[in-house]
Amino acid sequence: MVFALPAVVAGTGFYWFAQSAVVEEVEFEMSLVAAHEEAIISDWIRERRFDLGVIAQVGSINDAVRRVLQGRPGATDSLRYLLSRARLFFGERYSSFRVFSPEGELIHGESESHDRSTLVAALQGSTAVSHDVVNAGRSNSALEFYAPIVEHSEPPKGVLVATVPTTPMFTLLNTPISPVGWIHLFDRHGQVLTSSSLADTMRTSGASVPDPDAVIDPSRDSSQYVRQAGDVELMGSARRVSEMNWVVTVERNRDEALARLAYMRRVLWSVIVAIVLLGGGVAIGMSTLTVRRLERRERELQTTHEQLITADRLASVGMMAASMAHEINNPLTTIKVLIHSLRQRAASNKALETDINIVLSEIDKIKALVLRFLQFARPRDPEFSAVQLEDILSRIAGLIRHQAQSHGILIFEKYDADLGPVWADGSQIGQMFLNILLNAIDATPPGGEVHVSTSVADAERARVTIWNSGPPLPNEIKEQIFEPFFSTKTTGTGLGLSIARTIIEKHGGEISAEGHDDDGTTFTMLLRRRAVHS
């Protein structure tokens, strides 16, 4: 019994210390998620403003607006066509476009309603967004973005207003962060902009969603809070989306978030009993075990933190790539149009026409590179259907076979006839296979071989392997090769394999590379053999 009192005192002290540490850990984890979700919203809004600003500065659109204001025949049809092409180029992120004159009169579009203050801000030369969501709380909710139609340093010829559906942004936020956690987004009037499983759960318990004015300090951009929701006590983290004056909240059931403390209490009582019964040696061993569990949890939290930081950096790289691509693509388009005009004038001069054709070919290569940057910056979501791997792989192999043979490289194909279809976006996985096969050809010396094959990995997945007889891939870089902008080639962009990994991850699959001693390198891809139904 001599160990009983010290054990109780030590156990109680350790429990209160651990409780404080666990609460701080949960609050820190939720604040990280809130900051990450706020960054998603801000980045999404900045991308839409930037894209609309690019559209509003296109010379042909400026010219069409000027001709509409002058009442020139056919100008309205020309403007409608150019704006429809812009919608297609940006993946129809914009549901509609309207154009207002410098006097605020509608000259193109269907609805004359607009945010007067935001329109005035755009006429003063800055791209702006209305802070109020159109049809808030409905499936067709949208934001309106305003951009001055301006070319060079001239005064604005008018304002381009784009209606942007908010569903893609809200979908990113409408995902539970854990089995007991939820995310909500409120507009500046306190109205819920998202819907989540928490709403149903709280209605059944007689509670309600949080009041944003009650959970966030007006003088701060973020805050931690605890509130009572019916019979449930919730821990929460709130963060203000400064540009829109919105509020994003992350909440968890406090009892479930701190459930490990109940487990810890049981462990501590067991430790105390063990100390009383078996002595100090057993007590020290159990305490060490508890500390190790806390240290492991701390390491897991640190890993989560590093993953969030990496995701934020990749988002920044993607925005930079999109910006560079837009800046390069606009002057290239103008140059290509002018060179086409020169080629028509030089039809009688064969030498000059040949040079112009070479210039046009090089411009197309640059535009293809710009397209790869855009694909990396904003890859579209897959459109799933049942596709045959053999059809896609044989088509891709046929496309590059001539290029391979010109380097003395042979391509061999072997497909499993019993494999059946896979559930995928045929266009996207075709691009993935093309990137990997081109990489294999680049890595294979003249006289070498590239082998493409398919097989059944298991009941749910199909396996695709692409092997080349080039030098084996070093183990120290086999993970780095899938990072953006990493390349072992002096002329490579480092985007091909990164895009391939992004595509297969969006398909719920896996990709890996393995070098073999003096026996080349193998890329292995796993894809789902059938649809996963919810």
Protein backbone atom coordinates (compact mmCIF):
# COMPACT_ATOMS: atom_id res chain seq x y z
CA MET A 1 0.00 0.00 0.00
CA VAL A 2 3.01 2.30 0.23
CA PHE A 3 2.71 2.95 -3.51
CA ALA A 4 -1.03 3.78 -3.46
CA LEU A 5 -0.91 7.50 -2.52
CA PRO A 6 1.99 8.45 -4.85
CA ALA A 7 0.34 6.47 -7.63
CA VAL A 8 -3.02 8.27 -7.21
CA VAL A 9 -1.33 11.70 -7.04
CA ALA A 10 0.91 10.99 -10.03
CA GLY A 11 -1.93 9.46 -12.06
CA THR A 12 -4.29 12.37 -11.39
CA GLY A 13 -1.63 14.93 -12.27
CA PHE A 14 -0.71 13.09 -15.44
CA TYR A 15 -4.39 12.79 -16.44
CA TRP A 16 -5.01 16.55 -16.14
CA PHE A 17 -1.83 17.24 -18.08
CA ALA A 18 -2.86 14.76 -20.79
CA GLN A 19 -6.38 16.22 -20.92
CA SER A 20 -4.97 19.68 -21.58
CA ALA A 21 -2.66 18.30 -24.27
CA VAL A 22 -5.46 16.35 -26.01
CA VAL A 23 -7.83 19.35 -26.01
CA GLU A 24 -5.08 21.55 -27.42
CA GLU A 25 -4.30 18.92 -30.07
CA VAL A 26 -7.96 18.63 -31.18
CA GLU A 27 -8.34 22.42 -31.33
CA PHE A 28 -5.12 22.73 -33.34
CA GLU A 29 -6.24 20.01 -35.77
CA MET A 30 -9.62 21.72 -36.35
CA SER A 31 -7.98 25.15 -36.79
CA LEU A 32 -5.71 23.64 -39.47
CA VAL A 33 -8.72 22.22 -41.31
CA ALA A 34 -10.60 25.55 -41.03
CA ALA A 35 -7.57 27.40 -42.42
CA HIS A 36 -7.27 24.87 -45.25
CA GLU A 37 -10.96 25.19 -46.19
CA GLU A 38 -10.72 29.02 -46.07
CA ALA A 39 -7.73 28.78 -48.45
CA ILE A 40 -9.78 26.58 -50.83
CA ILE A 41 -12.55 29.20 -50.98
CA SER A 42 -10.14 32.14 -51.39
CA ASP A 43 -8.12 30.35 -54.09
CA TRP A 44 -11.29 29.40 -55.96
CA ILE A 45 -12.53 33.00 -55.96
CA ARG A 46 -9.11 34.36 -56.99
CA GLU A 47 -8.93 31.88 -59.89
CA ARG A 48 -12.37 32.89 -61.17
CA ARG A 49 -11.47 36.60 -60.91
CA PHE A 50 -8.17 36.03 -62.70
CA ASP A 51 -9.76 33.98 -65.50
CA LEU A 52 -12.52 36.54 -66.04
CA GLY A 53 -9.91 39.33 -66.11
CA VAL A 54 -8.05 37.44 -68.84
CA ILE A 55 -11.25 37.06 -70.90
CA ALA A 56 -12.11 40.76 -70.52
CA GLN A 57 -8.68 41.75 -71.90
CA VAL A 58 -8.85 39.63 -75.07
CA GLY A 59 -8.44 41.94 -78.04
CA SER A 60 -11.17 40.33 -80.17
CA ILE A 61 -13.73 40.68 -77.35
CA ASN A 62 -12.74 44.33 -76.82
CA ASP A 63 -13.17 44.94 -80.55
CA ALA A 64 -16.60 43.22 -80.60
CA VAL A 65 -17.84 45.32 -77.63
CA ARG A 66 -16.66 48.51 -79.32
CA ARG A 67 -18.52 47.58 -82.52
CA VAL A 68 -21.69 46.76 -80.52
CA LEU A 69 -21.53 50.19 -78.86
CA GLN A 70 -21.12 51.73 -82.35
CA GLY A 71 -24.19 49.81 -83.59
CA ARG A 72 -22.24 47.95 -86.26
CA PRO A 73 -24.17 45.16 -88.06
CA GLY A 74 -23.36 41.62 -86.88
CA ALA A 75 -21.42 42.86 -83.85
CA THR A 76 -23.82 41.29 -81.34
CA ASP A 77 -23.56 37.85 -83.00
CA SER A 78 -19.77 38.15 -83.06
CA LEU A 79 -19.68 39.02 -79.33
CA ARG A 80 -22.02 36.12 -78.48
CA TYR A 81 -19.78 33.70 -80.42
CA LEU A 82 -16.57 34.90 -78.75
CA LEU A 83 -18.07 34.61 -75.26
CA SER A 84 -19.40 31.10 -76.01
CA ARG A 85 -15.88 30.09 -77.09
CA ALA A 86 -14.51 31.53 -73.84
CA ARG A 87 -16.99 29.41 -71.85
CA LEU A 88 -15.84 26.27 -73.65
CA PHE A 89 -12.14 27.14 -73.15
CA PHE A 90 -12.63 27.42 -69.39
CA GLY A 91 -14.58 24.17 -69.13
CA GLU A 92 -17.97 25.94 -68.81
CA ARG A 93 -17.13 27.15 -65.30
CA TYR A 94 -19.18 30.24 -66.19
CA SER A 95 -22.91 29.56 -66.71
CA SER A 96 -23.58 32.88 -68.48
CA PHE A 97 -22.02 36.19 -69.50
CA ARG A 98 -23.51 39.68 -69.61
CA VAL A 99 -21.97 42.90 -70.88
CA PHE A 100 -22.80 46.40 -69.60
CA SER A 101 -21.84 49.71 -71.21
CA PRO A 102 -19.80 52.35 -69.29
CA GLU A 103 -23.16 53.98 -68.49
CA GLY A 104 -24.42 50.80 -66.84
CA GLU A 105 -26.78 49.75 -69.64
CA LEU A 106 -27.11 46.07 -70.62
CA ILE A 107 -25.78 45.52 -74.16
CA HIS A 108 -25.51 41.71 -74.12
CA GLY A 109 -27.23 39.03 -72.02
CA GLU A 110 -30.68 38.26 -70.67
CA SER A 111 -30.98 39.78 -67.18
CA GLU A 112 -30.48 43.48 -66.42
CA SER A 113 -30.24 42.95 -62.63
CA HIS A 114 -26.78 43.60 -61.22
CA ASP A 115 -24.87 44.77 -58.15
CA ARG A 116 -24.48 48.50 -58.73
CA SER A 117 -21.56 49.03 -56.32
CA THR A 118 -19.60 46.10 -57.79
CA LEU A 119 -20.29 47.36 -61.32
CA VAL A 120 -18.93 50.79 -60.36
CA ALA A 121 -15.81 49.17 -58.88
CA ALA A 122 -15.22 47.28 -62.14
CA LEU A 123 -15.62 50.48 -64.20
CA GLN A 124 -12.84 51.96 -62.08
CA GLY A 125 -10.49 49.28 -63.43
CA SER A 126 -10.52 46.38 -60.94
CA THR A 127 -12.01 42.88 -61.15
CA ALA A 128 -14.56 42.42 -58.37
CA VAL A 129 -17.04 39.88 -57.00
CA SER A 130 -20.48 40.43 -55.49
CA HIS A 131 -20.50 39.35 -51.83
CA ASP A 132 -24.07 38.02 -52.02
CA VAL A 133 -24.80 34.55 -53.41
CA VAL A 134 -27.58 34.38 -55.99
CA ASN A 135 -30.21 31.76 -54.98
CA ALA A 136 -28.33 31.08 -51.73
CA GLY A 137 -29.21 27.72 -50.18
CA ARG A 138 -30.44 26.25 -53.48
CA SER A 139 -28.86 23.79 -55.89
CA ASN A 140 -28.49 26.52 -58.55
CA SER A 141 -26.70 29.04 -56.32
CA ALA A 142 -24.08 31.22 -58.01
CA LEU A 143 -21.71 34.17 -57.60
CA GLU A 144 -21.39 37.13 -59.95
CA PHE A 145 -17.92 38.34 -61.00
CA TYR A 146 -17.34 41.73 -62.63
CA ALA A 147 -14.32 42.60 -64.82
CA PRO A 148 -13.58 45.80 -66.78
CA ILE A 149 -13.42 45.28 -70.55
CA VAL A 150 -10.17 47.08 -71.20
CA GLU A 151 -7.26 46.86 -73.61
CA HIS A 152 -3.84 48.33 -72.79
CA SER A 153 -4.24 51.60 -70.83
CA GLU A 154 -7.49 52.75 -72.45
CA PRO A 155 -10.59 53.53 -70.32
CA PRO A 156 -12.95 50.55 -69.88
CA LYS A 157 -15.30 49.96 -72.81
CA GLY A 158 -17.75 48.33 -70.44
CA VAL A 159 -18.02 45.59 -67.83
CA LEU A 160 -18.11 41.80 -68.38
CA VAL A 161 -20.32 40.10 -65.76
CA ALA A 162 -19.99 36.33 -65.33
CA THR A 163 -22.38 34.08 -63.39
CA VAL A 164 -20.38 31.25 -61.78
CA PRO A 165 -22.13 28.22 -60.20
CA THR A 166 -20.91 27.72 -56.62
CA THR A 167 -21.65 23.99 -56.48
CA PRO A 168 -18.02 22.95 -57.29
CA MET A 169 -16.69 25.08 -54.41
CA PHE A 170 -19.37 24.03 -51.92
CA THR A 171 -18.87 20.35 -52.79
CA LEU A 172 -15.23 20.61 -51.64
CA LEU A 173 -16.45 21.80 -48.23
CA ASN A 174 -19.41 19.41 -47.84
CA THR A 175 -17.28 16.46 -46.71
CA PRO A 176 -16.97 15.19 -43.10
CA ILE A 177 -13.39 15.56 -41.83
CA SER A 178 -13.87 12.47 -39.64
CA PRO A 179 -16.73 10.20 -38.53
CA VAL A 180 -17.65 12.87 -35.95
CA GLY A 181 -16.75 16.16 -37.67
CA TRP A 182 -18.47 18.56 -40.08
CA ILE A 183 -17.80 21.76 -42.00
CA HIS A 184 -20.23 24.67 -42.57
CA LEU A 185 -19.99 27.82 -44.64
CA PHE A 186 -22.06 30.95 -43.89
CA ASP A 187 -22.50 34.10 -45.95
CA ARG A 188 -22.24 37.60 -44.49
CA HIS A 189 -25.94 37.48 -43.48
CA GLY A 190 -25.42 34.30 -41.46
CA GLN A 191 -27.23 32.07 -43.96
CA VAL A 192 -25.89 28.52 -44.42
CA LEU A 193 -24.36 28.13 -47.89
CA THR A 194 -23.54 24.42 -47.50
CA SER A 195 -25.51 21.38 -46.38
CA SER A 196 -23.99 18.42 -44.59
CA SER A 197 -24.85 15.35 -42.56
CA LEU A 198 -24.53 17.44 -39.39
CA ALA A 199 -27.74 19.30 -40.26
CA ASP A 200 -29.78 16.07 -40.23
CA THR A 201 -28.03 14.77 -37.11
CA MET A 202 -28.67 17.99 -35.20
CA ARG A 203 -32.31 18.26 -36.26
CA THR A 204 -33.00 14.81 -34.83
CA SER A 205 -31.49 15.89 -31.50
CA GLY A 206 -33.46 19.14 -31.39
CA ALA A 207 -30.37 21.30 -31.97
CA SER A 208 -29.40 23.76 -34.71
CA VAL A 209 -26.38 24.78 -36.75
CA PRO A 210 -24.04 27.35 -35.15
CA ASP A 211 -24.71 31.09 -35.18
CA PRO A 212 -21.63 32.59 -36.93
CA ASP A 213 -21.98 35.89 -35.06
CA ALA A 214 -21.88 34.02 -31.74
CA VAL A 215 -18.90 31.74 -32.43
CA ILE A 216 -16.38 34.17 -33.99
CA ASP A 217 -14.88 37.28 -32.43
CA PRO A 218 -15.61 40.31 -34.69
CA SER A 219 -12.11 41.67 -34.00
CA ARG A 220 -10.32 38.43 -35.05
CA ASP A 221 -10.14 36.32 -38.17
CA SER A 222 -10.39 33.00 -36.27
CA SER A 223 -11.54 31.65 -32.91
CA GLN A 224 -12.09 28.42 -30.93
CA TYR A 225 -15.36 27.75 -29.10
CA VAL A 226 -17.49 25.21 -27.26
CA ARG A 227 -21.29 25.30 -27.59
CA GLN A 228 -24.29 23.24 -26.55
CA ALA A 229 -26.38 21.84 -29.42
CA GLY A 230 -29.42 20.14 -27.86
CA ASP A 231 -28.07 17.19 -25.89
CA VAL A 232 -24.68 17.37 -27.60
CA GLU A 233 -21.70 19.52 -26.57
CA LEU A 234 -19.63 20.55 -29.59
CA MET A 235 -16.08 21.83 -29.99
CA GLY A 236 -15.56 24.17 -32.91
CA SER A 237 -13.14 26.32 -34.84
CA ALA A 238 -14.39 29.31 -36.86
CA ARG A 239 -12.46 31.25 -39.49
CA ARG A 240 -13.44 34.31 -41.49
CA VAL A 241 -13.11 34.34 -45.29
CA SER A 242 -11.89 37.93 -45.30
CA GLU A 243 -12.47 38.79 -48.97
CA MET A 244 -16.15 37.76 -48.86
CA ASN A 245 -16.86 38.38 -45.15
CA TRP A 246 -18.06 34.75 -44.96
CA VAL A 247 -17.43 32.40 -42.03
CA VAL A 248 -16.35 28.75 -42.22
CA THR A 249 -16.79 26.53 -39.14
CA VAL A 250 -15.42 23.10 -38.26
CA GLU A 251 -17.16 21.22 -35.43
CA ARG A 252 -16.80 17.91 -33.61
CA ASN A 253 -18.77 16.16 -30.88
CA ARG A 254 -16.69 17.01 -27.81
CA ASP A 255 -17.25 13.66 -26.08
CA GLU A 256 -16.26 11.72 -29.18
CA ALA A 257 -13.31 14.03 -29.96
CA LEU A 258 -11.96 13.47 -26.44
CA ALA A 259 -12.97 9.80 -26.25
CA ARG A 260 -9.36 8.77 -25.86
CA LEU A 261 -9.37 10.49 -22.42
CA ALA A 262 -11.94 7.96 -21.15
CA TYR A 263 -9.66 5.21 -22.43
CA MET A 264 -6.75 6.95 -20.74
CA ARG A 265 -8.63 7.05 -17.43
CA ARG A 266 -9.14 3.30 -17.59
CA VAL A 267 -5.48 2.79 -18.42
CA LEU A 268 -4.38 5.01 -15.53
CA TRP A 269 -6.59 3.19 -13.04
CA SER A 270 -5.13 -0.07 -14.30
CA VAL A 271 -1.67 1.37 -13.84
CA ILE A 272 -2.49 2.45 -10.28
CA VAL A 273 -3.86 -0.99 -9.40
CA ALA A 274 -0.81 -2.58 -10.98
CA ILE A 275 1.46 -0.30 -8.94
CA VAL A 276 -0.38 -1.22 -5.76
CA LEU A 277 -0.30 -4.94 -6.53
CA LEU A 278 2.98 -5.41 -8.31
CA GLY A 279 5.09 -2.45 -7.27
CA GLY A 280 6.91 0.39 -8.89
CA GLY A 281 8.45 -1.60 -11.77
CA VAL A 282 5.08 -2.42 -13.34
CA ALA A 283 3.90 1.17 -12.78
CA ILE A 284 6.89 2.60 -14.62
CA GLY A 285 6.36 0.19 -17.52
CA MET A 286 2.69 1.11 -17.97
CA SER A 287 3.41 4.84 -17.73
CA THR A 288 6.07 4.48 -20.41
CA LEU A 289 3.56 2.69 -22.65
CA THR A 290 1.04 5.55 -22.22
CA VAL A 291 3.67 8.17 -23.01
CA ARG A 292 4.67 6.28 -26.15
CA ARG A 293 1.06 6.25 -27.32
CA LEU A 294 0.87 10.02 -26.86
CA GLU A 295 4.15 10.46 -28.73
CA ARG A 296 2.84 8.33 -31.60
CA ARG A 297 -0.30 10.46 -31.74
CA GLU A 298 1.85 13.59 -31.80
CA ARG A 299 3.87 12.20 -34.71
CA GLU A 300 0.63 11.40 -36.58
CA LEU A 301 -0.55 14.97 -36.02
CA GLN A 302 2.75 16.31 -37.33
CA THR A 303 2.40 14.14 -40.44
CA THR A 304 -1.12 15.53 -41.02
CA HIS A 305 0.21 19.05 -40.62
CA GLU A 306 2.98 18.44 -43.16
CA GLN A 307 0.46 16.97 -45.63
CA LEU A 308 -1.70 20.09 -45.37
CA ILE A 309 1.35 22.30 -45.96
CA THR A 310 2.33 20.20 -49.00
CA ALA A 311 -1.21 20.45 -50.42
CA ASP A 312 -1.13 24.24 -50.00
CA ARG A 313 2.24 24.45 -51.78
CA LEU A 314 0.98 22.32 -54.67
CA ALA A 315 -2.08 24.58 -54.94
CA SER A 316 0.23 27.60 -55.18
CA VAL A 317 2.30 25.86 -57.86
CA GLY A 318 -0.89 25.09 -59.76
CA MET A 319 -2.01 28.74 -59.64
CA MET A 320 1.42 29.85 -60.85
CA ALA A 321 1.29 27.34 -63.71
CA ALA A 322 -2.18 28.55 -64.74
CA SER A 323 -1.07 32.18 -64.62
CA MET A 324 2.02 31.47 -66.74
CA ALA A 325 -0.05 29.46 -69.21
CA HIS A 326 -2.58 32.26 -69.66
CA GLU A 327 0.15 34.88 -70.08
CA ILE A 328 1.88 32.78 -72.77
CA ASN A 329 -1.24 31.61 -74.59
CA ASN A 330 -2.73 35.07 -75.30
CA PRO A 331 0.24 36.54 -77.25
CA LEU A 332 0.78 33.16 -79.01
CA THR A 333 -2.78 33.29 -80.34
CA THR A 334 -2.23 36.80 -81.72
CA ILE A 335 1.13 35.82 -83.25
CA LYS A 336 -0.38 32.75 -84.91
CA VAL A 337 -3.23 34.77 -86.46
CA LEU A 338 -0.78 37.32 -87.88
CA ILE A 339 1.54 34.62 -89.26
CA HIS A 340 -1.41 32.93 -90.99
CA SER A 341 -2.11 36.29 -92.65
CA LEU A 342 1.56 36.57 -93.73
CA ARG A 343 1.47 33.04 -95.18
CA GLN A 344 -1.44 34.01 -97.43
CA ARG A 345 0.50 37.02 -98.68
CA ALA A 346 3.66 34.94 -99.27
CA ALA A 347 1.97 32.22 -101.35
CA SER A 348 4.21 33.04 -104.33
CA ASN A 349 7.42 32.91 -102.31
CA LYS A 350 8.03 29.22 -101.57
CA ALA A 351 11.12 29.77 -99.40
CA LEU A 352 9.30 32.31 -97.22
CA GLU A 353 6.22 30.09 -97.04
CA THR A 354 8.39 27.18 -95.84
CA ASP A 355 9.89 29.36 -93.08
CA ILE A 356 6.42 30.51 -92.02
CA ASN A 357 5.22 26.89 -91.84
CA ILE A 358 8.17 26.07 -89.57
CA VAL A 359 7.28 29.04 -87.30
CA LEU A 360 3.64 27.85 -87.12
CA SER A 361 4.79 24.34 -86.23
CA GLU A 362 6.96 25.66 -83.40
CA ILE A 363 4.06 27.80 -82.10
CA ASP A 364 1.86 24.68 -82.00
CA LYS A 365 4.54 22.94 -79.91
CA ILE A 366 4.54 25.84 -77.43
CA LYS A 367 0.73 25.81 -77.26
CA ALA A 368 0.84 22.06 -76.55
CA LEU A 369 3.25 22.74 -73.68
CA VAL A 370 0.93 25.48 -72.37
CA LEU A 371 -1.97 23.00 -72.50
CA ARG A 372 0.03 20.53 -70.35
CA PHE A 373 0.59 23.29 -67.78
CA LEU A 374 -3.16 23.98 -67.72
CA GLN A 375 -3.91 20.26 -67.38
CA PHE A 376 -1.56 20.13 -64.39
CA ALA A 377 -2.97 23.34 -62.82
CA ARG A 378 -6.68 22.50 -63.14
CA PRO A 379 -7.27 18.85 -64.14
CA ARG A 380 -10.94 18.08 -64.84
CA ASP A 381 -12.85 15.38 -62.97
CA PRO A 382 -13.08 11.98 -64.74
CA GLU A 383 -16.25 11.01 -66.64
CA PHE A 384 -16.48 7.31 -65.75
CA SER A 385 -17.71 4.57 -68.06
CA ALA A 386 -16.85 0.94 -68.84
CA VAL A 387 -13.81 0.93 -71.17
CA GLN A 388 -11.54 -1.79 -72.59
CA LEU A 389 -7.88 -1.38 -71.66
CA GLU A 390 -6.76 -3.39 -74.68
CA ASP A 391 -8.45 -0.96 -77.09
CA ILE A 392 -6.91 2.11 -75.45
CA LEU A 393 -3.41 0.65 -75.04
CA SER A 394 -3.24 -0.75 -78.58
CA ARG A 395 -4.34 2.61 -79.99
CA ILE A 396 -1.73 4.52 -77.97
CA ALA A 397 0.99 1.98 -78.86
CA GLY A 398 0.08 2.37 -82.52
CA LEU A 399 0.39 6.16 -82.29
CA ILE A 400 3.96 6.05 -80.96
CA ARG A 401 5.21 2.91 -82.74
CA HIS A 402 6.67 4.90 -85.65
CA GLN A 403 8.52 7.22 -83.23
CA ALA A 404 9.90 4.19 -81.37
CA GLN A 405 11.01 2.40 -84.54
CA SER A 406 12.79 5.54 -85.75
CA HIS A 407 15.03 5.10 -82.66
CA GLY A 408 15.46 1.34 -83.20
CA ILE A 409 13.08 0.47 -80.32
CA LEU A 410 10.52 -2.35 -80.57
CA ILE A 411 7.13 -2.29 -78.79
CA PHE A 412 5.57 -5.62 -77.72
CA GLU A 413 1.96 -5.97 -76.53
CA LYS A 414 0.33 -8.75 -74.50
CA TYR A 415 -3.27 -8.41 -73.27
CA ASP A 416 -5.31 -10.68 -70.99
CA ALA A 417 -8.42 -11.73 -72.95
CA ASP A 418 -10.31 -12.51 -69.71
CA LEU A 419 -9.72 -9.12 -68.11
CA GLY A 420 -13.00 -7.45 -69.10
CA PRO A 421 -13.76 -3.71 -68.89
CA VAL A 422 -12.50 -1.25 -66.29
CA TRP A 423 -14.38 1.71 -64.80
CA ALA A 424 -12.55 4.82 -65.99
CA ASP A 425 -12.43 7.94 -68.15
CA GLY A 426 -11.04 6.58 -71.44
CA SER A 427 -9.61 9.94 -72.54
CA GLN A 428 -7.78 10.60 -69.27
CA ILE A 429 -6.25 7.14 -68.84
CA GLY A 430 -5.26 7.25 -72.53
CA GLN A 431 -3.31 10.43 -71.76
CA MET A 432 -1.78 8.71 -68.69
CA PHE A 433 -0.63 5.69 -70.77
CA LEU A 434 0.73 8.02 -73.48
CA ASN A 435 2.80 9.96 -70.92
CA ILE A 436 4.28 6.77 -69.45
CA LEU A 437 5.00 5.15 -72.83
CA LEU A 438 6.74 8.31 -74.09
CA ASN A 439 8.77 8.35 -70.89
CA ALA A 440 9.68 4.65 -71.46
CA ILE A 441 10.83 5.35 -75.03
CA ASP A 442 12.96 8.29 -73.87
CA ALA A 443 14.61 6.02 -71.25
CA THR A 444 15.31 3.15 -73.70
CA PRO A 445 18.54 3.15 -75.74
CA PRO A 446 18.52 2.27 -79.49
CA GLY A 447 18.00 -1.45 -80.04
CA GLY A 448 15.99 -1.77 -76.81
CA GLU A 449 12.44 -2.94 -76.11
CA VAL A 450 9.24 -1.69 -74.48
CA HIS A 451 6.65 -4.26 -73.29
CA VAL A 452 2.98 -3.40 -72.58
CA SER A 453 0.74 -5.95 -70.85
CA THR A 454 -2.49 -6.29 -68.87
CA SER A 455 -3.54 -8.85 -66.28
CA VAL A 456 -5.96 -9.46 -63.39
CA ALA A 457 -4.56 -8.08 -60.12
CA ASP A 458 -7.46 -9.30 -57.95
CA ALA A 459 -11.26 -9.53 -58.01
CA GLU A 460 -11.64 -5.74 -57.98
CA ARG A 461 -8.63 -4.42 -59.90
CA ALA A 462 -6.86 -4.71 -63.23
CA ARG A 463 -3.09 -4.40 -63.59
CA VAL A 464 -1.24 -2.62 -66.44
CA THR A 465 2.55 -2.95 -66.66
CA ILE A 466 4.90 -1.02 -68.95
CA TRP A 467 8.50 -2.27 -68.92
CA ASN A 468 11.48 -0.79 -70.78
CA SER A 469 14.97 -2.21 -71.20
CA GLY A 470 16.71 1.06 -70.38
CA PRO A 471 18.90 1.69 -67.32
CA PRO A 472 17.13 0.67 -64.08
CA LEU A 473 15.45 3.45 -62.09
CA PRO A 474 17.51 4.31 -58.96
CA ASN A 475 15.65 3.54 -55.73
CA GLU A 476 16.44 6.96 -54.28
CA ILE A 477 14.37 8.80 -56.93
CA LYS A 478 11.52 6.36 -57.64
CA GLU A 479 9.14 8.46 -55.48
CA GLN A 480 10.45 11.82 -56.71
CA ILE A 481 9.72 11.10 -60.38
CA PHE A 482 5.98 11.62 -59.73
CA GLU A 483 6.54 15.07 -58.17
CA PRO A 484 5.70 18.10 -60.37
CA PHE A 485 8.66 19.64 -62.25
CA PHE A 486 11.06 16.80 -61.31
CA SER A 487 12.83 15.40 -64.39
CA THR A 488 16.03 13.49 -65.09
CA LYS A 489 16.04 14.81 -68.66
CA THR A 490 17.65 18.14 -69.50
CA THR A 491 14.78 19.00 -71.86
CA GLY A 492 11.91 17.60 -69.78
CA THR A 493 9.18 19.69 -68.09
CA GLY A 494 8.71 17.21 -65.22
CA LEU A 495 4.90 17.25 -65.70
CA GLY A 496 4.20 13.99 -67.59
CA LEU A 497 4.47 11.55 -64.68
CA SER A 498 2.95 14.07 -62.24
CA ILE A 499 -0.13 14.37 -64.48
CA ALA A 500 -0.22 10.55 -64.76
CA ARG A 501 -0.27 10.18 -60.97
CA THR A 502 -3.00 12.86 -60.63
CA ILE A 503 -5.17 11.05 -63.20
CA ILE A 504 -4.88 7.60 -61.60
CA GLU A 505 -5.48 9.00 -58.10
CA LYS A 506 -8.69 10.63 -59.36
CA HIS A 507 -9.66 7.14 -60.60
CA GLY A 508 -9.04 5.62 -57.15
CA GLY A 509 -6.12 3.62 -58.52
CA GLU A 510 -2.41 3.29 -57.80
CA ILE A 511 0.81 3.82 -59.75
CA SER A 512 4.36 2.77 -58.87
CA ALA A 513 7.76 2.43 -60.51
CA GLU A 514 10.45 -0.15 -59.80
CA GLY A 515 13.98 -0.44 -61.16
CA HIS A 516 15.50 -3.90 -61.69
CA ASP A 517 19.21 -4.64 -61.47
CA ASP A 518 20.53 -4.52 -65.05
CA ASP A 519 17.04 -5.38 -66.26
CA GLY A 520 15.23 -2.11 -67.00
CA THR A 521 12.34 -0.38 -65.23
CA THR A 522 8.67 -1.36 -64.73
CA PHE A 523 5.71 1.01 -64.22
CA THR A 524 2.69 -0.70 -62.65
CA MET A 525 -0.84 0.78 -62.64
CA LEU A 526 -3.90 -0.63 -60.84
CA LEU A 527 -7.43 0.36 -61.97
CA ARG A 528 -10.91 -0.65 -60.79
CA ARG A 529 -12.46 -3.48 -62.84
CA ARG A 530 -16.06 -2.38 -62.15
CA ALA A 531 -18.05 0.61 -60.90
CA VAL A 532 -18.26 1.32 -57.17
CA HIS A 533 -21.92 2.10 -56.35
CA SER A 534 -22.80 4.27 -53.40
